[in-house]
Amino acid sequence: MDKKAHEALERIRKDVTLTTSDMENQDAAEFFNELADWAYANGEAMLIDDEPEKQDDYEDR
């Protein structure tokens, strides 16, 4: 991760910490679960090949 991305992540961490500090534990837990789901889905989306040629080739047979 480059410096710019690392700095952005640190800003987000601070903002999330500040936001959740006033929440009840259950609400904060739900918030973090939603955030984790969102982050995981976006991370996985970045790994998906834009051109799944092998899969298309297999389906044509």
C-alpha atoms as a PDB file:
ATOM      1  CA  MET A   1       0.000   0.000   0.000  1.00  0.00           C
ATOM      2  CA  ASP A   2       1.407   3.389  -0.903  1.00  0.00           C
ATOM      3  CA  LYS A   3       1.739   6.327   1.484  1.00  0.00           C
ATOM      4  CA  LYS A   4      -1.359   8.126   0.191  1.00  0.00           C
ATOM      5  CA  ALA A   5      -3.541   5.051   0.691  1.00  0.00           C
ATOM      6  CA  HIS A   6      -2.064   4.425   4.138  1.00  0.00           C
ATOM      7  CA  GLU A   7      -2.809   8.013   5.181  1.00  0.00           C
ATOM      8  CA  ALA A   8      -6.373   7.703   3.882  1.00  0.00           C
ATOM      9  CA  LEU A   9      -6.828   4.496   5.855  1.00  0.00           C
ATOM     10  CA  GLU A  10      -5.578   6.192   9.016  1.00  0.00           C
ATOM     11  CA  ARG A  11      -8.082   9.047   8.525  1.00  0.00           C
ATOM     12  CA  ILE A  12     -10.882   6.530   8.072  1.00  0.00           C
ATOM     13  CA  ARG A  13      -9.810   4.615  11.187  1.00  0.00           C
ATOM     14  CA  LYS A  14      -9.838   7.802  13.252  1.00  0.00           C
ATOM     15  CA  ASP A  15     -13.244   8.811  11.881  1.00  0.00           C
ATOM     16  CA  VAL A  16     -14.722   5.375  12.578  1.00  0.00           C
ATOM     17  CA  THR A  17     -13.271   5.363  16.093  1.00  0.00           C
ATOM     18  CA  LEU A  18     -14.760   8.785  16.783  1.00  0.00           C
ATOM     19  CA  THR A  19     -18.117   7.801  15.297  1.00  0.00           C
ATOM     20  CA  THR A  20     -18.413   4.568  17.262  1.00  0.00           C
ATOM     21  CA  SER A  21     -17.167   6.006  20.559  1.00  0.00           C
ATOM     22  CA  ASP A  22     -20.618   7.465  21.263  1.00  0.00           C
ATOM     23  CA  MET A  23     -22.523   4.316  20.277  1.00  0.00           C
ATOM     24  CA  GLU A  24     -23.891   1.598  22.492  1.00  0.00           C
ATOM     25  CA  ASN A  25     -21.838  -1.597  22.240  1.00  0.00           C
ATOM     26  CA  GLN A  26     -24.509  -3.435  20.229  1.00  0.00           C
ATOM     27  CA  ASP A  27     -24.862  -0.560  17.760  1.00  0.00           C
ATOM     28  CA  ALA A  28     -21.090  -0.288  17.382  1.00  0.00           C
ATOM     29  CA  ALA A  29     -20.828  -4.043  16.805  1.00  0.00           C
ATOM     30  CA  GLU A  30     -23.494  -3.868  14.086  1.00  0.00           C
ATOM     31  CA  PHE A  31     -21.714  -0.891  12.528  1.00  0.00           C
ATOM     32  CA  PHE A  32     -18.396  -2.752  12.436  1.00  0.00           C
ATOM     33  CA  ASN A  33     -20.055  -5.862  10.992  1.00  0.00           C
ATOM     34  CA  GLU A  34     -21.622  -3.816   8.201  1.00  0.00           C
ATOM     35  CA  LEU A  35     -18.317  -2.061   7.582  1.00  0.00           C
ATOM     36  CA  ALA A  36     -16.478  -5.384   7.449  1.00  0.00           C
ATOM     37  CA  ASP A  37     -19.007  -6.840   4.997  1.00  0.00           C
ATOM     38  CA  TRP A  38     -18.705  -3.777   2.783  1.00  0.00           C
ATOM     39  CA  ALA A  39     -14.901  -3.807   2.897  1.00  0.00           C
ATOM     40  CA  TYR A  40     -14.724  -7.539   2.164  1.00  0.00           C
ATOM     41  CA  ALA A  41     -17.106  -7.279  -0.794  1.00  0.00           C
ATOM     42  CA  ASN A  42     -15.155  -4.376  -2.257  1.00  0.00           C
ATOM     43  CA  GLY A  43     -11.839  -6.148  -1.716  1.00  0.00           C
ATOM     44  CA  GLU A  44     -13.130  -9.262  -3.457  1.00  0.00           C
ATOM     45  CA  ALA A  45     -14.506  -7.173  -6.325  1.00  0.00           C
ATOM     46  CA  MET A  46     -11.020  -5.773  -6.918  1.00  0.00           C
ATOM     47  CA  LEU A  47      -9.677  -9.314  -7.353  1.00  0.00           C
ATOM     48  CA  ILE A  48     -12.226 -10.454  -9.913  1.00  0.00           C
ATOM     49  CA  ASP A  49     -10.758 -10.814 -13.384  1.00  0.00           C
ATOM     50  CA  ASP A  50     -12.390  -8.371 -15.800  1.00  0.00           C
ATOM     51  CA  GLU A  51     -12.226 -10.909 -18.629  1.00  0.00           C
ATOM     52  CA  PRO A  52     -13.091 -14.422 -17.483  1.00  0.00           C
ATOM     53  CA  GLU A  53     -12.093 -15.932 -20.848  1.00  0.00           C
ATOM     54  CA  LYS A  54     -11.560 -19.462 -19.582  1.00  0.00           C
ATOM     55  CA  GLN A  55     -15.039 -19.615 -18.060  1.00  0.00           C
ATOM     56  CA  ASP A  56     -16.657 -18.263 -21.241  1.00  0.00           C
ATOM     57  CA  ASP A  57     -14.674 -20.725 -23.364  1.00  0.00           C
ATOM     58  CA  TYR A  58     -15.859 -23.612 -21.191  1.00  0.00           C
ATOM     59  CA  GLU A  59     -19.499 -22.503 -21.391  1.00  0.00           C
ATOM     60  CA  ASP A  60     -19.352 -22.384 -25.219  1.00  0.00           C
ATOM     61  CA  ARG A  61     -18.611 -26.115 -25.413  1.00  0.00           C
END
